[in-house]
Amino acid sequence: MTDRPGSDELEPGLLDRYLAGECSEHEEAVVRRHLMARPDVARALAAMLRQLDGEATRPAAPNASASWEVLRRRMHAPEPVAQPSRAAPRAASITPRHPFTLLPARRVSRWQRAATIAGVAVLGTAGIYAARRRSDLPAPTPRAEESFVTANRERAELRLSDGTRVHLAPGSRLRVAGDFGETKRDVHLDGQGYFQVEHDARRPFTVHAGNAIARDLGTEFAVRSYGEDEAVQVVVRKGAVVLSGVGRLGAGDVGRIGASGVASLTHGVRVDSLLGWLDGRLVFRDAPLSQVLAELRRWHDVDVQLADSSLATLPFTGVLTDDSFRSSIDLVAATLGLRVRRTGRRVSLERIGGLTPSPDPSAAPQPR
């Protein structure tokens, strides 16, 4: 005869040991059976633990002692008689535990872990956790790939589950493989990111960007791969990186792989100018105006039109900041002898008689 779910009696202190992760396998099974048999108790437990972990909005800190006492009484209360005329309670929607945390970082505590387990019990899938110990049950569903996106004007810092820190520039997307951290650490980048990686030879950290693959050797490095860029660029600040088609890059090296696969490597670069975006500084050196405006669009979410398409190749050298779009576009215009015309939210650049230099027809955008 099989045991009726929830027939085991909880001894005093068992719930505390369960939440603290100090239960034996048998004791964990006892608690799970109670939660499976009493979905109302499981929901109450999940809600209370979310409050304790700061996940629910609350006007004042909960009284933990009183809450535990109420919960214990509910756990030992007689099981309510089912009402045929009422529909079964709907399962609460529980967000799966995420392996990565968006900064500001907040560690997954024992309370949140227990809340997730309680939520899974409500959904009737507690067997997933038991499957980790019993080979006769199906394996857990593989994690899906996760994406982190920054829109124009947004920057983000991301802490991956292995401790790696990632800084994302505006208009970027980082996709993290579902099996990240198991046997390898693979991410896919569209845009611009800076990686501070703890080296692990057993689980190499690899960035896939465009047609390039960059693998760390214990380092801090940046990767740029926007759709309109002519090449994928890797800049190494510390340590070393292996870049496909290029080889090993050390501190101060910049490697590029063009869309056609042509690779280049430059040694001894003062990389601070290439990494100024981490501090909100955009450094340009003979950059075509079209490229400068594309950067301003990402950093300020303002689209600037050119009254004359030939102006796109005018070379600009200077440092812009993310503080003020108006000051940035005025500086660009003053440097190139252009007039800024503002009509409502529309901004355009146009020539000023003989002040505007003639574009070089042979000039072409240079890879960054």
Protein backbone atom coordinates (compact mmCIF):
# COMPACT_ATOMS: atom_id res chain seq x y z
CA MET A 1 0.00 0.00 0.00
CA THR A 2 1.36 3.36 -0.96
CA ASP A 3 1.47 6.25 1.45
CA ARG A 4 -1.21 8.88 1.04
CA PRO A 5 0.49 12.19 0.10
CA GLY A 6 0.79 14.34 3.16
CA SER A 7 0.31 11.48 5.61
CA ASP A 8 3.75 11.94 7.16
CA GLU A 9 3.61 14.14 10.23
CA LEU A 10 6.06 17.04 10.35
CA GLU A 11 8.10 17.09 13.49
CA PRO A 12 8.89 20.42 15.17
CA GLY A 13 11.77 22.21 13.45
CA LEU A 14 11.62 20.12 10.26
CA LEU A 15 10.52 23.05 8.11
CA ASP A 16 13.35 25.18 9.49
CA ARG A 17 15.92 22.50 8.64
CA TYR A 18 14.39 22.06 5.19
CA LEU A 19 14.71 25.76 4.35
CA ALA A 20 18.24 25.84 5.75
CA GLY A 21 19.23 22.92 3.51
CA GLU A 22 20.03 20.67 6.49
CA CYS A 23 17.43 17.91 5.88
CA SER A 24 18.15 14.35 4.98
CA GLU A 25 16.80 12.98 1.71
CA HIS A 26 13.92 11.31 3.54
CA GLU A 27 13.03 14.50 5.41
CA GLU A 28 13.04 16.51 2.18
CA ALA A 29 10.64 13.98 0.68
CA VAL A 30 8.32 14.35 3.68
CA VAL A 31 8.16 18.14 3.27
CA ARG A 32 7.64 17.88 -0.49
CA ARG A 33 4.73 15.46 0.02
CA HIS A 34 3.09 17.95 2.35
CA LEU A 35 3.51 20.75 -0.16
CA MET A 36 2.16 18.59 -2.97
CA ALA A 37 -0.85 17.60 -0.89
CA ARG A 38 -1.52 21.12 0.39
CA PRO A 39 -1.17 23.60 -2.50
CA ASP A 40 -2.68 26.36 -0.34
CA VAL A 41 0.16 25.93 2.16
CA ALA A 42 2.73 25.83 -0.65
CA ARG A 43 1.41 29.08 -2.08
CA ALA A 44 1.47 30.71 1.33
CA LEU A 45 5.04 29.54 1.87
CA ALA A 46 6.15 30.85 -1.52
CA ALA A 47 4.50 34.23 -0.92
CA MET A 48 6.03 34.61 2.52
CA LEU A 49 9.52 33.70 1.34
CA ARG A 50 9.28 36.18 -1.51
CA GLN A 51 8.53 38.84 1.07
CA LEU A 52 11.50 37.78 3.19
CA ASP A 53 13.75 37.98 0.15
CA GLY A 54 12.49 41.38 -0.94
CA GLU A 55 10.80 40.08 -4.10
CA ALA A 56 7.36 41.37 -3.23
CA THR A 57 6.45 44.96 -2.61
CA ARG A 58 5.62 45.44 1.04
CA PRO A 59 5.04 48.53 3.20
CA ALA A 60 6.86 47.11 6.21
CA ALA A 61 9.09 44.19 7.10
CA PRO A 62 7.09 41.02 7.85
CA ASN A 63 6.98 39.57 11.36
CA ALA A 64 8.95 36.41 10.67
CA SER A 65 8.15 34.67 13.97
CA ALA A 66 4.42 35.23 13.62
CA SER A 67 4.48 34.16 9.98
CA TRP A 68 6.28 30.89 10.78
CA GLU A 69 3.80 30.13 13.55
CA VAL A 70 0.82 30.71 11.25
CA LEU A 71 2.42 28.55 8.59
CA ARG A 72 3.14 25.71 11.01
CA ARG A 73 -0.50 25.75 12.18
CA ARG A 74 -1.63 25.56 8.58
CA MET A 75 0.72 22.64 7.91
CA HIS A 76 -0.80 20.66 10.80
CA ALA A 77 -4.38 21.77 10.24
CA PRO A 78 -6.90 19.12 9.08
CA GLU A 79 -6.96 18.77 5.33
CA PRO A 80 -9.97 20.69 3.96
CA VAL A 81 -12.79 18.73 2.37
CA ALA A 82 -12.86 19.19 -1.39
CA GLN A 83 -15.89 21.05 -2.75
CA PRO A 84 -17.12 19.39 -5.97
CA SER A 85 -18.82 22.57 -7.10
CA ARG A 86 -15.61 24.58 -7.05
CA ALA A 87 -12.88 24.49 -9.64
CA ALA A 88 -9.48 23.30 -8.54
CA PRO A 89 -7.13 26.16 -7.69
CA ARG A 90 -5.02 27.28 -10.62
CA ALA A 91 -1.30 26.76 -10.35
CA ALA A 92 0.65 29.90 -9.58
CA SER A 93 3.03 31.11 -12.27
CA ILE A 94 6.52 30.70 -10.86
CA THR A 95 9.51 32.22 -12.63
CA PRO A 96 12.24 29.59 -12.98
CA ARG A 97 15.39 30.19 -11.05
CA HIS A 98 17.74 32.07 -13.38
CA PRO A 99 21.42 31.18 -13.54
CA PHE A 100 22.47 34.79 -14.19
CA THR A 101 21.84 37.99 -12.28
CA LEU A 102 21.55 41.48 -13.72
CA LEU A 103 23.43 44.03 -11.62
CA PRO A 104 23.02 45.30 -9.00
CA ALA A 105 23.73 41.73 -8.04
CA ARG A 106 21.49 39.85 -5.65
CA ARG A 107 22.48 36.35 -4.67
CA VAL A 108 19.93 33.60 -4.74
CA SER A 109 19.37 32.91 -1.07
CA ARG A 110 18.09 29.82 0.64
CA TRP A 111 14.73 31.59 1.03
CA GLN A 112 14.38 32.17 -2.72
CA ARG A 113 15.50 28.62 -3.46
CA ALA A 114 12.89 27.26 -1.08
CA ALA A 115 10.23 29.54 -2.58
CA THR A 116 11.01 28.16 -6.02
CA ILE A 117 10.78 24.59 -4.73
CA ALA A 118 7.45 25.41 -3.08
CA GLY A 119 6.20 26.91 -6.31
CA VAL A 120 7.23 23.82 -8.21
CA ALA A 121 5.30 21.74 -5.71
CA VAL A 122 2.20 23.81 -6.47
CA LEU A 123 2.71 23.07 -10.16
CA GLY A 124 2.99 19.37 -9.40
CA THR A 125 6.53 19.04 -10.76
CA ALA A 126 8.51 18.40 -7.61
CA GLY A 127 9.67 15.19 -9.26
CA ILE A 128 12.18 17.28 -11.23
CA TYR A 129 14.18 17.83 -8.06
CA ALA A 130 13.92 14.20 -7.03
CA ALA A 131 15.17 13.19 -10.48
CA ARG A 132 18.59 14.55 -9.59
CA ARG A 133 18.97 11.72 -7.10
CA ARG A 134 16.98 8.95 -8.77
CA SER A 135 18.28 7.60 -12.07
CA ASP A 136 14.92 5.96 -12.90
CA LEU A 137 13.21 9.36 -13.38
CA PRO A 138 13.50 11.65 -16.43
CA ALA A 139 16.35 14.17 -16.45
CA PRO A 140 15.51 17.85 -15.84
CA THR A 141 14.52 19.90 -18.86
CA PRO A 142 17.63 21.59 -20.33
CA ARG A 143 17.88 25.30 -19.72
CA ALA A 144 16.95 27.53 -22.63
CA GLU A 145 19.28 30.15 -24.08
CA GLU A 146 18.93 33.53 -22.33
CA SER A 147 19.28 36.99 -23.89
CA PHE A 148 20.20 40.33 -22.31
CA VAL A 149 19.49 43.45 -24.35
CA THR A 150 20.28 47.14 -24.07
CA ALA A 151 18.29 49.66 -26.08
CA ASN A 152 19.60 52.98 -27.35
CA ARG A 153 20.78 55.20 -24.47
CA GLU A 154 21.07 52.18 -22.17
CA ARG A 155 24.16 50.55 -20.70
CA ALA A 156 24.13 47.51 -18.47
CA GLU A 157 26.34 45.43 -16.24
CA LEU A 158 25.74 41.72 -16.07
CA ARG A 159 27.18 39.12 -13.70
CA LEU A 160 27.12 35.63 -15.09
CA SER A 161 26.81 32.56 -12.91
CA ASP A 162 30.56 31.86 -13.09
CA GLY A 163 31.41 35.29 -11.69
CA THR A 164 32.28 36.86 -15.05
CA ARG A 165 31.29 40.53 -15.30
CA VAL A 166 30.00 41.90 -18.58
CA HIS A 167 29.50 45.58 -19.47
CA LEU A 168 27.12 46.12 -22.40
CA ALA A 169 27.13 49.29 -24.51
CA PRO A 170 23.90 50.78 -25.92
CA GLY A 171 22.15 48.84 -28.66
CA SER A 172 23.68 45.49 -27.72
CA ARG A 173 22.48 41.94 -27.19
CA LEU A 174 24.24 39.16 -25.29
CA ARG A 175 22.94 35.62 -25.72
CA VAL A 176 24.07 33.06 -23.15
CA ALA A 177 23.98 29.35 -23.95
CA GLY A 178 21.60 27.25 -21.89
CA ASP A 179 24.41 24.89 -20.82
CA PHE A 180 26.68 27.78 -19.80
CA GLY A 181 29.05 26.75 -17.03
CA GLU A 182 28.61 22.99 -17.37
CA THR A 183 31.50 22.01 -19.65
CA LYS A 184 32.05 25.33 -21.42
CA ARG A 185 31.11 28.99 -21.18
CA ASP A 186 29.81 30.29 -24.51
CA VAL A 187 28.13 33.64 -25.18
CA HIS A 188 27.06 35.34 -28.42
CA LEU A 189 27.38 39.11 -28.82
CA ASP A 190 25.70 41.55 -31.18
CA GLY A 191 26.92 45.04 -30.35
CA GLN A 192 29.66 45.93 -27.90
CA GLY A 193 30.68 44.34 -24.63
CA TYR A 194 33.53 44.34 -22.13
CA PHE A 195 34.36 41.08 -20.34
CA GLN A 196 36.18 40.57 -17.03
CA VAL A 197 36.76 36.83 -16.96
CA GLU A 198 38.16 34.43 -14.38
CA HIS A 199 40.11 31.90 -16.40
CA ASP A 200 39.14 28.25 -16.15
CA ALA A 201 41.06 25.93 -18.46
CA ARG A 202 38.47 23.20 -17.99
CA ARG A 203 35.63 25.49 -19.08
CA PRO A 204 36.95 28.05 -21.59
CA PHE A 205 35.06 31.35 -21.86
CA THR A 206 34.26 32.04 -25.50
CA VAL A 207 32.62 35.03 -27.21
CA HIS A 208 31.03 34.46 -30.62
CA ALA A 209 30.62 37.73 -32.53
CA GLY A 210 29.88 37.92 -36.22
CA ASN A 211 32.40 35.70 -37.99
CA ALA A 212 34.88 35.83 -35.10
CA ILE A 213 35.47 33.68 -32.04
CA ALA A 214 37.43 35.08 -29.07
CA ARG A 215 38.52 32.73 -26.27
CA ASP A 216 39.95 34.07 -23.03
CA LEU A 217 43.20 33.06 -21.37
CA GLY A 218 42.46 34.88 -18.11
CA THR A 219 41.77 38.41 -19.16
CA GLU A 220 39.82 41.64 -19.52
CA PHE A 221 38.89 42.42 -23.10
CA ALA A 222 36.28 44.15 -25.25
CA VAL A 223 34.49 42.90 -28.35
CA ARG A 224 32.68 45.12 -30.84
CA SER A 225 30.39 43.68 -33.54
CA TYR A 226 27.56 45.97 -34.64
CA GLY A 227 25.72 45.07 -37.82
CA GLU A 228 27.00 48.10 -39.75
CA ASP A 229 30.64 47.63 -38.70
CA GLU A 230 33.09 46.58 -41.39
CA ALA A 231 34.93 44.26 -38.99
CA VAL A 232 34.69 42.54 -35.63
CA GLN A 233 37.15 44.16 -33.24
CA VAL A 234 38.74 42.66 -30.10
CA VAL A 235 40.68 44.91 -27.70
CA VAL A 236 42.71 43.34 -24.86
CA ARG A 237 43.33 45.39 -21.73
CA LYS A 238 44.77 42.64 -19.49
CA GLY A 239 45.83 39.05 -19.92
CA ALA A 240 45.49 37.31 -23.26
CA VAL A 241 42.86 36.25 -25.80
CA VAL A 242 42.96 33.79 -28.67
CA LEU A 243 41.11 35.25 -31.69
CA SER A 244 40.13 33.00 -34.57
CA GLY A 245 42.08 33.79 -37.72
CA VAL A 246 44.49 36.03 -35.80
CA GLY A 247 46.01 34.03 -32.97
CA ARG A 248 47.06 35.14 -29.51
CA LEU A 249 46.44 38.74 -28.43
CA GLY A 250 48.13 40.22 -25.38
CA ALA A 251 47.54 43.40 -23.41
CA GLY A 252 47.55 46.40 -25.74
CA ASP A 253 46.73 44.35 -28.83
CA VAL A 254 43.81 44.97 -31.17
CA GLY A 255 42.63 42.24 -33.52
CA ARG A 256 40.13 42.69 -36.36
CA ILE A 257 38.36 40.27 -38.66
CA GLY A 258 36.59 41.80 -41.65
CA ALA A 259 33.35 40.54 -43.15
CA SER A 260 35.37 38.89 -45.92
CA GLY A 261 37.53 37.08 -43.36
CA VAL A 262 40.60 39.29 -43.75
CA ALA A 263 42.31 39.55 -40.34
CA SER A 264 44.71 42.09 -38.86
CA LEU A 265 46.60 42.50 -35.62
CA THR A 266 47.99 45.73 -34.17
CA HIS A 267 50.41 45.71 -31.22
CA GLY A 268 51.11 48.39 -28.65
CA VAL A 269 47.81 50.27 -28.92
CA ARG A 270 46.81 52.72 -26.18
CA VAL A 271 43.55 50.90 -25.59
CA ASP A 272 42.09 53.45 -23.16
CA SER A 273 40.77 55.50 -26.08
CA LEU A 274 39.07 52.42 -27.55
CA LEU A 275 37.55 51.60 -24.16
CA GLY A 276 36.45 55.14 -23.30
CA TRP A 277 32.83 54.11 -23.82
CA LEU A 278 32.98 52.33 -20.45
CA ASP A 279 33.14 55.82 -18.90
CA GLY A 280 30.71 57.41 -21.35
CA ARG A 281 33.41 58.86 -23.62
CA LEU A 282 33.32 58.33 -27.39
CA VAL A 283 36.76 58.83 -28.91
CA PHE A 284 37.03 59.30 -32.69
CA ARG A 285 40.09 59.63 -34.87
CA ASP A 286 39.45 60.47 -38.53
CA ALA A 287 36.13 58.65 -38.27
CA PRO A 288 33.66 59.30 -41.13
CA LEU A 289 30.72 61.47 -40.12
CA SER A 290 28.27 58.65 -40.88
CA GLN A 291 29.97 56.51 -38.23
CA VAL A 292 29.95 59.34 -35.68
CA LEU A 293 26.21 59.88 -36.21
CA ALA A 294 25.52 56.16 -35.84
CA GLU A 295 27.26 56.23 -32.45
CA LEU A 296 25.31 59.30 -31.35
CA ARG A 297 22.09 57.57 -32.38
CA ARG A 298 22.88 54.64 -30.09
CA TRP A 299 24.05 56.76 -27.17
CA HIS A 300 21.39 59.50 -27.33
CA ASP A 301 18.58 57.87 -29.36
CA VAL A 302 18.47 60.85 -31.74
CA ASP A 303 18.58 60.39 -35.52
CA VAL A 304 20.53 63.13 -37.30
CA GLN A 305 19.92 63.65 -41.01
CA LEU A 306 22.47 64.95 -43.52
CA ALA A 307 21.22 67.60 -45.94
CA ASP A 308 23.86 66.36 -48.39
CA SER A 309 24.75 62.66 -48.52
CA SER A 310 28.31 63.52 -49.58
CA LEU A 311 28.92 64.83 -46.06
CA ALA A 312 28.89 61.25 -44.73
CA THR A 313 32.59 60.77 -45.47
CA LEU A 314 33.85 63.92 -43.72
CA PRO A 315 36.48 62.80 -41.16
CA PHE A 316 35.91 63.76 -37.54
CA THR A 317 38.48 63.65 -34.73
CA GLY A 318 37.42 64.45 -31.19
CA VAL A 319 35.97 63.21 -27.91
CA LEU A 320 32.24 63.25 -27.25
CA THR A 321 30.44 62.32 -24.04
CA ASP A 322 27.09 60.80 -23.18
CA ASP A 323 26.11 63.79 -20.99
CA SER A 324 24.45 65.99 -23.62
CA PHE A 325 23.43 65.32 -27.19
CA ARG A 326 23.19 69.03 -27.93
CA SER A 327 26.77 69.72 -26.88
CA SER A 328 28.01 66.66 -28.80
CA ILE A 329 26.32 67.50 -32.10
CA ASP A 330 27.31 71.17 -31.77
CA LEU A 331 30.95 70.12 -31.32
CA VAL A 332 30.79 67.88 -34.39
CA ALA A 333 29.22 70.65 -36.44
CA ALA A 334 31.74 73.27 -35.31
CA THR A 335 34.66 70.96 -36.08
CA LEU A 336 33.46 70.18 -39.59
CA GLY A 337 32.11 73.63 -40.46
CA LEU A 338 28.47 72.53 -40.54
CA ARG A 339 25.24 74.13 -39.40
CA VAL A 340 22.87 72.35 -37.01
CA ARG A 341 19.25 72.86 -37.96
CA ARG A 342 16.62 71.84 -35.41
CA THR A 343 12.95 71.57 -36.36
CA GLY A 344 10.97 70.15 -33.46
CA ARG A 345 12.56 66.79 -32.72
CA ARG A 346 14.26 66.61 -36.08
CA VAL A 347 17.97 67.45 -36.29
CA SER A 348 19.93 67.87 -39.51
CA LEU A 349 23.41 68.98 -40.57
CA GLU A 350 23.99 71.14 -43.61
CA ARG A 351 26.82 73.01 -45.30
CA ILE A 352 27.84 76.58 -44.48
CA GLY A 353 29.11 78.10 -47.71
CA GLY A 354 32.90 77.96 -47.90
CA LEU A 355 33.35 76.82 -44.28
CA THR A 356 32.51 73.20 -44.96
CA PRO A 357 35.46 71.21 -46.34
CA SER A 358 34.94 69.21 -49.50
CA PRO A 359 34.57 65.48 -48.84
CA ASP A 360 37.25 63.15 -50.14
CA PRO A 361 35.43 60.99 -52.71
CA SER A 362 37.90 58.15 -52.12
CA ALA A 363 37.31 58.12 -48.37
CA ALA A 364 35.52 55.10 -46.97
CA PRO A 365 34.42 54.20 -43.43
CA GLN A 366 37.25 52.62 -41.48
CA PRO A 367 36.64 49.57 -39.26
CA ARG A 368 36.53 50.31 -35.56
